[in-house]
């Protein structure tokens, strides 16, 4: 397969939107989910993010990146104000509604209402979950890190509540996210279903890799 070479100068000279699409696509497939928050007055917010990453299992930490502010980010404001948020996997049935939450609605407009997605509160957790999401995480804010090179902000949270369909949780703790119909994304606007190729044994220098399926 022939390749195109694009150097640093050519990247910088690209039209803004083309450069954004190019660079956002280079990272490959990403986790994408809906983040649910509420302020102390009960005003709900829902926003799509594709900047999640695993940080550690003990304690169970998950990170996400916020783009520079302004404009004001209601999700970030609510997380700082209340200390809680939810991460809700997106499935094929709600893909378009989830994408619509990226629109910049006026202050006071709930994306739940604007996209006809339903919020729910469970087990005294402060932030709203998305009813239509099959895998839901309740997260408590733990740490903020400012990234000076591009004025973004990294948020680290601890997963303190988990909701998973019973038939998607395997005996060894592995979650079959395909069975839950979780989708992935690439770039800013491309959504994908996945096909599992294999699940492999723990790699050791003196042991052959075997399939766990």
N, C-alpha and C. Protein backbone atom coordinates (compact mmCIF):
# COMPACT_ATOMS: atom_id res chain seq x y z
N UNK A 1 0.84 -1.19 0.00
CA UNK A 1 0.00 0.00 0.00
C UNK A 1 0.88 1.25 0.00
N UNK A 2 0.70 2.11 -1.01
CA UNK A 2 1.52 3.33 -1.10
C UNK A 2 1.09 4.33 -0.02
N UNK A 3 2.04 5.14 0.40
CA UNK A 3 1.80 6.08 1.49
C UNK A 3 2.05 7.52 1.05
N UNK A 4 1.30 8.44 1.64
CA UNK A 4 1.50 9.86 1.46
C UNK A 4 2.34 10.38 2.61
N UNK A 5 3.34 11.20 2.31
CA UNK A 5 4.18 11.79 3.36
C UNK A 5 3.72 13.23 3.60
N UNK A 6 3.41 13.55 4.87
CA UNK A 6 3.01 14.90 5.26
C UNK A 6 3.96 15.36 6.35
N UNK A 7 4.69 16.43 6.11
CA UNK A 7 5.66 16.88 7.11
C UNK A 7 5.08 17.98 7.99
N UNK A 8 5.87 18.43 8.96
CA UNK A 8 5.41 19.41 9.94
C UNK A 8 4.93 20.70 9.29
N UNK A 9 5.68 21.21 8.32
CA UNK A 9 5.28 22.44 7.64
C UNK A 9 3.96 22.28 6.91
N UNK A 10 3.76 21.13 6.27
CA UNK A 10 2.51 20.90 5.55
C UNK A 10 1.33 20.79 6.51
N UNK A 11 1.55 20.17 7.67
CA UNK A 11 0.49 20.08 8.67
C UNK A 11 0.07 21.48 9.11
N UNK A 12 1.05 22.34 9.37
CA UNK A 12 0.76 23.69 9.85
C UNK A 12 0.06 24.53 8.80
N UNK A 13 0.28 24.23 7.52
CA UNK A 13 -0.31 25.01 6.44
C UNK A 13 -1.71 24.54 6.05
N UNK A 14 -2.15 23.40 6.59
CA UNK A 14 -3.48 22.89 6.25
C UNK A 14 -4.58 23.83 6.75
N UNK A 15 -5.65 23.89 6.00
CA UNK A 15 -6.83 24.63 6.46
C UNK A 15 -7.28 24.06 7.80
N UNK A 16 -7.76 24.91 8.70
CA UNK A 16 -7.99 24.53 10.09
C UNK A 16 -8.82 23.26 10.23
N UNK A 17 -9.96 23.21 9.57
CA UNK A 17 -10.86 22.07 9.76
C UNK A 17 -10.25 20.79 9.21
N UNK A 18 -9.52 20.90 8.10
CA UNK A 18 -8.87 19.71 7.54
C UNK A 18 -7.79 19.20 8.48
N UNK A 19 -7.03 20.12 9.09
CA UNK A 19 -6.00 19.73 10.06
C UNK A 19 -6.63 19.07 11.28
N UNK A 20 -7.74 19.61 11.75
CA UNK A 20 -8.43 19.03 12.91
C UNK A 20 -8.87 17.60 12.62
N UNK A 21 -9.46 17.38 11.45
CA UNK A 21 -9.91 16.02 11.10
C UNK A 21 -8.72 15.08 10.96
N UNK A 22 -7.66 15.54 10.32
CA UNK A 22 -6.48 14.71 10.11
C UNK A 22 -5.88 14.26 11.44
N UNK A 23 -5.59 15.20 12.32
CA UNK A 23 -4.90 14.89 13.56
C UNK A 23 -5.80 14.08 14.50
N UNK A 24 -7.08 14.40 14.53
CA UNK A 24 -7.99 13.65 15.40
C UNK A 24 -8.16 12.21 14.94
N UNK A 25 -7.95 11.95 13.66
CA UNK A 25 -8.11 10.59 13.15
C UNK A 25 -6.89 9.72 13.38
N UNK A 26 -5.73 10.34 13.60
CA UNK A 26 -4.48 9.59 13.67
C UNK A 26 -4.38 8.66 14.87
N UNK A 27 -5.09 8.99 15.93
CA UNK A 27 -5.01 8.16 17.14
C UNK A 27 -5.73 6.83 17.03
N UNK A 28 -6.45 6.62 15.93
CA UNK A 28 -7.17 5.36 15.76
C UNK A 28 -8.50 5.36 16.48
N UNK A 29 -9.04 4.18 16.71
CA UNK A 29 -10.34 4.05 17.36
C UNK A 29 -10.23 4.46 18.83
N UNK A 30 -11.26 5.13 19.33
CA UNK A 30 -11.25 5.68 20.68
C UNK A 30 -12.52 5.30 21.42
N UNK A 31 -12.42 5.30 22.75
CA UNK A 31 -13.61 5.19 23.58
C UNK A 31 -14.44 6.45 23.42
N UNK A 32 -15.74 6.29 23.32
CA UNK A 32 -16.64 7.44 23.23
C UNK A 32 -17.80 7.19 24.18
N UNK A 33 -18.21 8.20 24.92
CA UNK A 33 -19.27 8.02 25.91
C UNK A 33 -19.92 9.36 26.20
N UNK A 34 -21.06 9.30 26.88
CA UNK A 34 -21.78 10.48 27.31
C UNK A 34 -21.48 10.75 28.78
N UNK A 35 -21.11 11.99 29.09
CA UNK A 35 -20.82 12.39 30.47
C UNK A 35 -22.02 13.16 31.00
N UNK A 36 -22.61 12.64 32.07
CA UNK A 36 -23.76 13.28 32.68
C UNK A 36 -23.38 14.01 33.94
N UNK A 37 -23.82 15.26 34.06
CA UNK A 37 -23.57 16.05 35.26
C UNK A 37 -24.80 16.86 35.62
N UNK A 38 -24.75 17.43 36.81
CA UNK A 38 -25.79 18.35 37.27
C UNK A 38 -25.13 19.37 38.16
N UNK A 39 -25.63 20.61 38.14
CA UNK A 39 -25.12 21.58 39.09
C UNK A 39 -25.88 21.44 40.41
N UNK A 40 -25.54 22.23 41.39
CA UNK A 40 -26.15 22.11 42.72
C UNK A 40 -27.63 22.49 42.72
N UNK A 41 -28.07 23.19 41.69
CA UNK A 41 -29.48 23.58 41.58
C UNK A 41 -30.31 22.52 40.87
N UNK A 42 -29.65 21.46 40.38
CA UNK A 42 -30.36 20.39 39.69
C UNK A 42 -30.46 20.56 38.19
N UNK A 43 -29.75 21.54 37.61
CA UNK A 43 -29.74 21.70 36.16
C UNK A 43 -28.82 20.66 35.54
N UNK A 44 -29.37 19.82 34.67
CA UNK A 44 -28.62 18.70 34.11
C UNK A 44 -27.88 19.06 32.83
N UNK A 45 -26.77 18.39 32.61
CA UNK A 45 -25.98 18.59 31.40
C UNK A 45 -25.54 17.22 30.90
N UNK A 46 -25.48 17.08 29.57
CA UNK A 46 -25.03 15.83 28.96
C UNK A 46 -24.14 16.16 27.77
N UNK A 47 -22.96 15.57 27.70
CA UNK A 47 -22.02 15.90 26.64
C UNK A 47 -21.25 14.67 26.21
N UNK A 48 -20.99 14.58 24.91
CA UNK A 48 -20.23 13.46 24.35
C UNK A 48 -18.74 13.77 24.44
N UNK A 49 -17.94 12.75 24.82
CA UNK A 49 -16.50 12.87 24.91
C UNK A 49 -15.85 11.63 24.29
N UNK A 50 -14.67 11.84 23.70
CA UNK A 50 -13.91 10.71 23.16
C UNK A 50 -12.46 10.79 23.63
N UNK A 51 -12.28 11.30 24.84
CA UNK A 51 -10.93 11.50 25.37
C UNK A 51 -10.71 10.75 26.67
N UNK A 52 -11.34 9.58 26.82
CA UNK A 52 -11.19 8.78 28.04
C UNK A 52 -9.97 7.87 27.97
N UNK A 53 -9.38 7.59 29.11
CA UNK A 53 -8.29 6.62 29.15
C UNK A 53 -8.17 6.02 30.55
N UNK A 54 -7.82 4.74 30.57
CA UNK A 54 -7.61 4.01 31.81
C UNK A 54 -6.34 4.50 32.49
N UNK A 55 -6.41 4.74 33.80
CA UNK A 55 -5.24 5.16 34.56
C UNK A 55 -4.77 4.07 35.52
N UNK A 56 -5.67 3.40 36.18
CA UNK A 56 -5.28 2.34 37.10
C UNK A 56 -6.50 1.58 37.60
N UNK A 57 -6.26 0.36 38.11
CA UNK A 57 -7.35 -0.49 38.58
C UNK A 57 -7.50 -0.49 40.10
N UNK A 58 -6.46 -0.08 40.81
CA UNK A 58 -6.51 -0.09 42.28
C UNK A 58 -5.79 1.14 42.84
N UNK A 59 -6.53 2.22 43.10
CA UNK A 59 -7.97 2.39 42.94
C UNK A 59 -8.38 2.48 41.47
N UNK A 60 -9.68 2.26 41.17
CA UNK A 60 -10.13 2.28 39.78
C UNK A 60 -10.26 3.70 39.25
N UNK A 61 -9.26 4.15 38.51
CA UNK A 61 -9.20 5.54 38.05
C UNK A 61 -9.36 5.63 36.53
N UNK A 62 -10.07 6.67 36.11
CA UNK A 62 -10.25 6.93 34.69
C UNK A 62 -9.98 8.40 34.43
N UNK A 63 -9.32 8.69 33.31
CA UNK A 63 -8.99 10.07 32.97
C UNK A 63 -9.74 10.53 31.74
N UNK A 64 -9.86 11.84 31.60
CA UNK A 64 -10.44 12.43 30.40
C UNK A 64 -9.86 13.82 30.22
N UNK A 65 -9.85 14.27 28.96
CA UNK A 65 -9.27 15.55 28.60
C UNK A 65 -10.35 16.53 28.19
N UNK A 66 -10.25 17.75 28.71
CA UNK A 66 -11.14 18.84 28.32
C UNK A 66 -10.37 19.85 27.48
N UNK A 67 -11.00 20.30 26.42
CA UNK A 67 -10.39 21.33 25.58
C UNK A 67 -10.36 22.66 26.33
N UNK A 68 -9.58 23.62 25.80
CA UNK A 68 -9.42 24.90 26.50
C UNK A 68 -10.74 25.63 26.71
N UNK A 69 -10.84 26.35 27.81
CA UNK A 69 -11.95 27.26 28.09
C UNK A 69 -11.39 28.67 28.18
N UNK A 70 -12.13 29.76 27.76
CA UNK A 70 -13.50 29.67 27.25
C UNK A 70 -13.57 29.03 25.87
N UNK A 71 -14.74 28.64 25.35
CA UNK A 71 -16.03 28.89 25.99
C UNK A 71 -16.23 28.07 27.27
N UNK A 72 -17.14 28.53 28.10
CA UNK A 72 -17.40 27.86 29.36
C UNK A 72 -17.87 26.43 29.11
N UNK A 73 -17.30 25.50 29.83
CA UNK A 73 -17.67 24.09 29.72
C UNK A 73 -18.56 23.72 30.90
N UNK A 74 -19.86 23.52 30.62
CA UNK A 74 -20.79 23.20 31.71
C UNK A 74 -20.40 21.91 32.41
N UNK A 75 -19.94 20.93 31.64
CA UNK A 75 -19.55 19.65 32.24
C UNK A 75 -18.43 19.85 33.25
N UNK A 76 -17.40 20.57 32.86
CA UNK A 76 -16.27 20.80 33.75
C UNK A 76 -16.69 21.62 34.97
N UNK A 77 -17.49 22.64 34.76
CA UNK A 77 -17.98 23.46 35.87
C UNK A 77 -18.75 22.62 36.87
N UNK A 78 -19.63 21.75 36.36
CA UNK A 78 -20.45 20.92 37.25
C UNK A 78 -19.61 19.90 38.02
N UNK A 79 -18.60 19.37 37.37
CA UNK A 79 -17.71 18.41 38.05
C UNK A 79 -16.98 19.10 39.20
N UNK A 80 -16.46 20.30 38.96
CA UNK A 80 -15.77 21.03 40.01
C UNK A 80 -16.72 21.43 41.13
N UNK A 81 -17.95 21.78 40.77
CA UNK A 81 -18.92 22.27 41.77
C UNK A 81 -19.44 21.15 42.66
N UNK A 82 -19.69 19.97 42.08
CA UNK A 82 -20.34 18.89 42.83
C UNK A 82 -19.42 17.72 43.16
N UNK A 83 -18.39 17.51 42.32
CA UNK A 83 -17.47 16.41 42.56
C UNK A 83 -17.90 15.08 41.98
N UNK A 84 -18.99 15.06 41.20
CA UNK A 84 -19.49 13.79 40.69
C UNK A 84 -19.92 13.91 39.23
N UNK A 85 -19.78 12.80 38.48
CA UNK A 85 -20.24 12.74 37.10
C UNK A 85 -20.43 11.28 36.71
N UNK A 86 -21.15 11.06 35.62
CA UNK A 86 -21.35 9.71 35.11
C UNK A 86 -20.74 9.58 33.73
N UNK A 87 -20.29 8.37 33.42
CA UNK A 87 -19.80 8.04 32.08
C UNK A 87 -20.70 6.92 31.56
N UNK A 88 -21.35 7.17 30.44
CA UNK A 88 -22.36 6.26 29.91
C UNK A 88 -21.99 5.80 28.50
N UNK A 89 -21.77 4.49 28.34
CA UNK A 89 -21.41 3.96 27.02
C UNK A 89 -22.51 4.28 26.00
N UNK A 90 -22.07 4.53 24.78
CA UNK A 90 -23.00 4.81 23.69
C UNK A 90 -23.22 3.53 22.89
N UNK A 91 -24.47 3.26 22.54
CA UNK A 91 -24.78 2.11 21.69
C UNK A 91 -25.37 2.60 20.37
N UNK A 92 -25.54 1.67 19.46
CA UNK A 92 -25.96 2.02 18.11
C UNK A 92 -27.30 2.75 18.09
N UNK A 93 -28.19 2.39 19.01
CA UNK A 93 -29.54 2.97 19.01
C UNK A 93 -29.55 4.45 19.34
N UNK A 94 -28.55 4.93 20.08
CA UNK A 94 -28.56 6.33 20.50
C UNK A 94 -27.39 7.12 19.92
N UNK A 95 -26.77 6.59 18.88
CA UNK A 95 -25.58 7.21 18.30
C UNK A 95 -25.84 8.65 17.85
N UNK A 96 -26.90 8.88 17.10
CA UNK A 96 -27.18 10.22 16.58
C UNK A 96 -27.54 11.18 17.70
N UNK A 97 -28.31 10.71 18.67
CA UNK A 97 -28.65 11.57 19.80
C UNK A 97 -27.41 11.94 20.60
N UNK A 98 -26.53 10.97 20.77
CA UNK A 98 -25.29 11.24 21.50
C UNK A 98 -24.45 12.28 20.77
N UNK A 99 -24.33 12.15 19.45
CA UNK A 99 -23.55 13.11 18.67
C UNK A 99 -24.15 14.51 18.78
N UNK A 100 -25.48 14.59 18.84
CA UNK A 100 -26.15 15.89 18.90
C UNK A 100 -25.80 16.66 20.18
N UNK A 101 -25.40 15.95 21.23
CA UNK A 101 -25.04 16.65 22.46
C UNK A 101 -23.79 17.50 22.31
N UNK A 102 -23.06 17.34 21.21
CA UNK A 102 -21.87 18.17 20.98
C UNK A 102 -22.25 19.58 20.51
N UNK A 103 -23.52 19.79 20.18
CA UNK A 103 -23.98 21.12 19.78
C UNK A 103 -23.91 22.07 20.98
N UNK A 104 -23.66 23.35 20.71
CA UNK A 104 -23.57 24.35 21.78
C UNK A 104 -24.94 24.97 22.04
N UNK A 105 -25.64 24.37 22.97
CA UNK A 105 -26.96 24.88 23.35
C UNK A 105 -26.82 26.08 24.28
N UNK A 106 -27.87 26.89 24.31
CA UNK A 106 -27.89 28.05 25.20
C UNK A 106 -27.83 27.61 26.65
N UNK A 107 -27.32 28.48 27.49
CA UNK A 107 -27.26 28.20 28.92
C UNK A 107 -28.66 27.91 29.44
N UNK A 108 -28.77 26.89 30.25
CA UNK A 108 -30.06 26.52 30.82
C UNK A 108 -30.80 25.45 30.05
N UNK A 109 -30.33 25.12 28.83
CA UNK A 109 -30.94 24.06 28.04
C UNK A 109 -30.26 22.74 28.37
N UNK A 110 -31.05 21.75 28.77
CA UNK A 110 -30.50 20.44 29.08
C UNK A 110 -30.40 19.60 27.81
N UNK A 111 -29.24 19.03 27.58
CA UNK A 111 -29.06 18.15 26.41
C UNK A 111 -29.91 16.89 26.53
N UNK A 112 -30.24 16.49 27.75
CA UNK A 112 -31.18 15.37 27.91
C UNK A 112 -32.49 15.71 27.21
N UNK A 113 -33.03 16.90 27.49
CA UNK A 113 -34.30 17.31 26.88
C UNK A 113 -34.15 17.54 25.38
N UNK A 114 -33.04 18.16 24.98
CA UNK A 114 -32.85 18.51 23.58
C UNK A 114 -32.72 17.28 22.69
N UNK A 115 -32.22 16.18 23.23
CA UNK A 115 -31.98 14.98 22.42
C UNK A 115 -32.95 13.84 22.75
N UNK A 116 -33.88 14.09 23.65
CA UNK A 116 -34.86 13.07 24.06
C UNK A 116 -34.20 11.84 24.69
N UNK A 117 -33.10 12.05 25.38
CA UNK A 117 -32.50 11.00 26.20
C UNK A 117 -32.98 11.19 27.63
N UNK A 118 -33.14 10.09 28.34
CA UNK A 118 -33.71 10.16 29.68
C UNK A 118 -32.61 10.07 30.74
N UNK A 119 -32.76 10.87 31.79
CA UNK A 119 -31.83 10.81 32.92
C UNK A 119 -32.43 9.97 34.03
N UNK A 120 -31.56 9.37 34.84
CA UNK A 120 -32.00 8.62 36.01
C UNK A 120 -30.97 8.75 37.11
N UNK A 121 -31.47 8.69 38.35
CA UNK A 121 -30.60 8.80 39.53
C UNK A 121 -30.74 7.50 40.32
N UNK A 122 -29.60 6.93 40.72
CA UNK A 122 -29.62 5.62 41.36
C UNK A 122 -28.70 5.58 42.57
N UNK A 123 -29.17 4.92 43.61
CA UNK A 123 -28.35 4.65 44.81
C UNK A 123 -27.69 5.90 45.38
N UNK A 124 -28.48 6.99 45.42
CA UNK A 124 -28.05 8.24 46.04
C UNK A 124 -26.84 8.87 45.36
N UNK A 125 -26.57 8.51 44.11
CA UNK A 125 -25.47 9.13 43.38
C UNK A 125 -25.95 10.47 42.84
N UNK A 126 -25.13 11.53 42.99
CA UNK A 126 -25.59 12.88 42.70
C UNK A 126 -25.84 13.14 41.22
N UNK A 127 -25.00 12.62 40.34
CA UNK A 127 -25.08 12.95 38.91
C UNK A 127 -26.03 12.01 38.18
N UNK A 128 -26.61 12.47 37.06
CA UNK A 128 -27.57 11.66 36.32
C UNK A 128 -26.90 10.66 35.38
N UNK A 129 -27.46 9.44 35.35
CA UNK A 129 -27.08 8.43 34.37
C UNK A 129 -28.01 8.55 33.15
N UNK A 130 -27.59 7.96 32.03
CA UNK A 130 -28.40 7.93 30.82
C UNK A 130 -29.15 6.60 30.78
N UNK A 131 -30.47 6.65 30.83
CA UNK A 131 -31.29 5.44 30.87
C UNK A 131 -30.97 4.51 29.71
N UNK A 132 -30.80 5.08 28.52
CA UNK A 132 -30.61 4.27 27.31
C UNK A 132 -29.23 3.65 27.19
N UNK A 133 -28.32 4.00 28.06
CA UNK A 133 -26.97 3.44 28.02
C UNK A 133 -26.93 2.09 28.72
N UNK A 134 -26.26 1.11 28.12
CA UNK A 134 -26.23 -0.23 28.69
C UNK A 134 -25.14 -0.41 29.75
N UNK A 135 -24.06 0.35 29.64
CA UNK A 135 -22.99 0.31 30.65
C UNK A 135 -22.81 1.72 31.20
N UNK A 136 -22.96 1.84 32.51
CA UNK A 136 -22.96 3.15 33.16
C UNK A 136 -21.96 3.16 34.32
N UNK A 137 -21.20 4.24 34.42
CA UNK A 137 -20.22 4.40 35.50
C UNK A 137 -20.55 5.65 36.31
N UNK A 138 -20.52 5.53 37.62
CA UNK A 138 -20.61 6.69 38.50
C UNK A 138 -19.21 7.03 38.98
N UNK A 139 -18.78 8.26 38.75
CA UNK A 139 -17.39 8.65 38.97
C UNK A 139 -17.31 9.82 39.94
N UNK A 140 -16.34 9.76 40.85
CA UNK A 140 -16.08 10.84 41.79
C UNK A 140 -14.79 11.55 41.39
N UNK A 141 -14.86 12.86 41.25
CA UNK A 141 -13.70 13.67 40.86
C UNK A 141 -12.60 13.57 41.91
N UNK A 142 -11.35 13.38 41.44
CA UNK A 142 -10.23 13.23 42.36
C UNK A 142 -9.11 14.24 42.12
N UNK A 143 -8.80 14.53 40.86
CA UNK A 143 -7.64 15.38 40.62
C UNK A 143 -7.75 16.09 39.28
N UNK A 144 -7.22 17.31 39.23
CA UNK A 144 -7.19 18.11 38.01
C UNK A 144 -5.74 18.43 37.68
N UNK A 145 -5.39 18.31 36.41
CA UNK A 145 -4.04 18.64 35.96
C UNK A 145 -4.14 19.53 34.72
N UNK A 146 -3.53 20.71 34.78
CA UNK A 146 -3.51 21.61 33.64
C UNK A 146 -2.32 21.27 32.74
N UNK A 147 -2.58 21.18 31.44
CA UNK A 147 -1.56 20.84 30.46
C UNK A 147 -1.21 22.12 29.71
N UNK A 148 -0.03 22.65 29.98
CA UNK A 148 0.31 23.99 29.51
C UNK A 148 0.56 24.05 28.01
N UNK A 149 1.01 22.96 27.39
CA UNK A 149 1.41 23.01 25.98
C UNK A 149 0.26 23.39 25.05
N UNK A 150 -0.98 23.03 25.43
CA UNK A 150 -2.13 23.41 24.59
C UNK A 150 -3.33 23.87 25.40
N UNK A 151 -3.11 24.20 26.68
CA UNK A 151 -4.14 24.77 27.56
C UNK A 151 -5.34 23.86 27.76
N UNK A 152 -5.12 22.55 27.68
CA UNK A 152 -6.18 21.61 27.99
C UNK A 152 -6.11 21.21 29.47
N UNK A 153 -7.13 20.51 29.93
CA UNK A 153 -7.22 20.11 31.32
C UNK A 153 -7.48 18.61 31.41
N UNK A 154 -6.71 17.91 32.22
CA UNK A 154 -6.95 16.49 32.46
C UNK A 154 -7.67 16.32 33.79
N UNK A 155 -8.75 15.57 33.75
CA UNK A 155 -9.52 15.26 34.95
C UNK A 155 -9.35 13.78 35.28
N UNK A 156 -9.07 13.48 36.51
CA UNK A 156 -8.97 12.09 36.97
C UNK A 156 -10.09 11.82 37.96
N UNK A 157 -10.82 10.74 37.74
CA UNK A 157 -11.90 10.38 38.62
C UNK A 157 -11.81 8.94 39.05
N UNK A 158 -12.41 8.64 40.20
CA UNK A 158 -12.47 7.27 40.70
C UNK A 158 -13.84 6.68 40.43
N UNK A 159 -13.86 5.51 39.83
CA UNK A 159 -15.12 4.82 39.54
C UNK A 159 -15.66 4.24 40.83
N UNK A 160 -16.84 4.70 41.27
CA UNK A 160 -17.40 4.23 42.54
C UNK A 160 -18.73 3.51 42.37
N UNK A 161 -19.32 3.56 41.17
CA UNK A 161 -20.52 2.78 40.88
C UNK A 161 -20.41 2.25 39.46
N UNK A 162 -20.86 1.02 39.26
CA UNK A 162 -20.83 0.40 37.94
C UNK A 162 -22.16 -0.32 37.71
N UNK A 163 -22.73 -0.13 36.52
CA UNK A 163 -23.94 -0.85 36.12
C UNK A 163 -23.66 -1.53 34.78
N UNK A 164 -23.79 -2.86 34.75
CA UNK A 164 -23.47 -3.66 33.57
C UNK A 164 -24.59 -4.69 33.35
N UNK A 165 -25.01 -4.92 32.11
CA UNK A 165 -25.96 -6.00 31.86
C UNK A 165 -25.40 -7.33 32.38
N UNK A 166 -26.23 -8.10 33.04
CA UNK A 166 -25.77 -9.33 33.69
C UNK A 166 -25.08 -10.28 32.73
N UNK A 167 -25.57 -10.37 31.50
CA UNK A 167 -25.00 -11.33 30.54
C UNK A 167 -23.71 -10.82 29.89
N UNK A 168 -23.27 -9.62 30.26
CA UNK A 168 -22.05 -9.06 29.68
C UNK A 168 -20.85 -9.17 30.61
N UNK A 169 -21.07 -9.58 31.85
CA UNK A 169 -19.98 -9.70 32.82
C UNK A 169 -19.54 -11.16 32.93
N UNK A 170 -18.29 -11.45 32.53
CA UNK A 170 -17.78 -12.81 32.56
C UNK A 170 -17.25 -13.17 33.94
N UNK A 171 -17.03 -14.46 34.16
CA UNK A 171 -16.62 -14.96 35.47
C UNK A 171 -15.30 -14.37 35.95
N UNK A 172 -14.40 -14.04 35.01
CA UNK A 172 -13.09 -13.51 35.41
C UNK A 172 -13.08 -11.99 35.53
N UNK A 173 -14.26 -11.36 35.41
CA UNK A 173 -14.36 -9.92 35.55
C UNK A 173 -14.34 -9.17 34.23
N UNK A 174 -13.98 -9.83 33.15
CA UNK A 174 -13.94 -9.19 31.83
C UNK A 174 -15.35 -8.82 31.39
N UNK A 175 -15.50 -7.62 30.79
CA UNK A 175 -16.80 -7.17 30.31
C UNK A 175 -16.85 -7.31 28.79
N UNK A 176 -17.86 -8.00 28.31
CA UNK A 176 -18.08 -8.16 26.87
C UNK A 176 -18.83 -6.93 26.38
N UNK A 177 -18.09 -5.87 26.00
CA UNK A 177 -18.75 -4.63 25.61
C UNK A 177 -19.43 -4.74 24.25
N UNK A 178 -19.02 -5.69 23.42
CA UNK A 178 -19.72 -5.90 22.15
C UNK A 178 -21.14 -6.42 22.40
N UNK A 179 -21.27 -7.31 23.38
CA UNK A 179 -22.60 -7.84 23.72
C UNK A 179 -23.50 -6.73 24.25
N UNK A 180 -22.89 -5.72 24.86
CA UNK A 180 -23.64 -4.57 25.36
C UNK A 180 -23.90 -3.56 24.25
N UNK A 181 -23.43 -3.85 23.04
CA UNK A 181 -23.64 -3.00 21.87
C UNK A 181 -22.91 -1.66 21.98
N UNK A 182 -21.85 -1.63 22.76
CA UNK A 182 -21.04 -0.42 22.86
C UNK A 182 -20.33 -0.15 21.54
N UNK A 183 -20.35 1.12 21.10
CA UNK A 183 -19.69 1.48 19.86
C UNK A 183 -18.41 2.27 20.17
N UNK A 184 -17.61 2.48 19.14
CA UNK A 184 -16.39 3.26 19.25
C UNK A 184 -16.42 4.38 18.22
N UNK A 185 -15.38 5.22 18.20
CA UNK A 185 -15.36 6.30 17.23
C UNK A 185 -13.94 6.53 16.73
N UNK A 186 -13.83 7.25 15.62
CA UNK A 186 -12.55 7.74 15.13
C UNK A 186 -12.76 9.17 14.67
N UNK A 187 -11.72 9.97 14.83
CA UNK A 187 -11.88 11.38 14.49
C UNK A 187 -12.93 12.04 15.38
N UNK A 188 -13.63 13.02 14.81
CA UNK A 188 -14.64 13.77 15.56
C UNK A 188 -16.07 13.34 15.29
N UNK A 189 -16.28 12.59 14.19
CA UNK A 189 -17.66 12.39 13.78
C UNK A 189 -17.93 11.03 13.13
N UNK A 190 -17.00 10.08 13.29
CA UNK A 190 -17.15 8.77 12.67
C UNK A 190 -17.35 7.71 13.75
N UNK A 191 -18.45 6.98 13.67
CA UNK A 191 -18.81 6.01 14.71
C UNK A 191 -18.78 4.60 14.12
N UNK A 192 -18.36 3.62 14.94
CA UNK A 192 -18.09 2.28 14.43
C UNK A 192 -18.57 1.20 15.38
N UNK A 193 -19.04 0.10 14.80
CA UNK A 193 -19.24 -1.14 15.55
C UNK A 193 -17.95 -1.95 15.46
N UNK A 194 -17.76 -2.90 16.37
CA UNK A 194 -16.51 -3.66 16.39
C UNK A 194 -16.78 -5.16 16.24
N UNK A 195 -15.72 -5.87 15.86
CA UNK A 195 -15.76 -7.34 15.79
C UNK A 195 -14.55 -7.87 16.56
N UNK A 196 -14.78 -8.67 17.56
CA UNK A 196 -13.68 -9.22 18.34
C UNK A 196 -12.90 -10.23 17.51
N UNK A 197 -11.58 -10.07 17.45
CA UNK A 197 -10.72 -11.01 16.74
C UNK A 197 -10.34 -12.19 17.64
N UNK A 198 -9.98 -11.89 18.88
CA UNK A 198 -9.55 -12.93 19.81
C UNK A 198 -9.39 -12.30 21.18
N UNK A 199 -9.23 -13.13 22.18
CA UNK A 199 -8.82 -12.69 23.51
C UNK A 199 -7.67 -13.60 23.90
N UNK A 200 -6.51 -13.01 24.21
CA UNK A 200 -5.29 -13.78 24.33
C UNK A 200 -4.82 -13.92 25.78
N UNK A 201 -4.09 -14.98 26.03
CA UNK A 201 -3.56 -15.26 27.37
C UNK A 201 -2.49 -14.24 27.75
N UNK A 202 -2.21 -14.15 29.06
CA UNK A 202 -1.20 -13.24 29.58
C UNK A 202 0.16 -13.60 28.99
N UNK A 203 0.86 -12.58 28.46
CA UNK A 203 2.12 -12.83 27.78
C UNK A 203 3.27 -13.00 28.76
N UNK A 204 4.03 -14.10 28.60
CA UNK A 204 5.23 -14.36 29.39
C UNK A 204 6.36 -14.78 28.45
N UNK A 205 7.62 -14.48 28.78
CA UNK A 205 8.73 -14.79 27.88
C UNK A 205 8.83 -16.27 27.51
N UNK A 206 8.48 -17.16 28.43
CA UNK A 206 8.68 -18.59 28.20
C UNK A 206 7.38 -19.36 28.01
N UNK A 207 6.33 -18.65 27.63
CA UNK A 207 5.04 -19.32 27.49
C UNK A 207 4.38 -18.90 26.18
N UNK A 208 3.83 -19.87 25.46
CA UNK A 208 3.17 -19.59 24.18
C UNK A 208 1.83 -18.90 24.43
N UNK A 209 1.54 -17.92 23.57
CA UNK A 209 0.25 -17.23 23.64
C UNK A 209 -0.85 -18.18 23.18
N UNK A 210 -1.94 -18.23 23.94
CA UNK A 210 -3.07 -19.06 23.57
C UNK A 210 -4.35 -18.23 23.59
N UNK A 211 -5.36 -18.71 22.90
CA UNK A 211 -6.65 -18.02 22.85
C UNK A 211 -7.47 -18.33 24.10
N UNK A 212 -8.15 -17.34 24.62
CA UNK A 212 -9.02 -17.53 25.77
C UNK A 212 -10.47 -17.76 25.36
N UNK A 213 -10.73 -17.68 24.09
CA UNK A 213 -12.11 -17.85 23.62
C UNK A 213 -12.45 -19.32 23.43
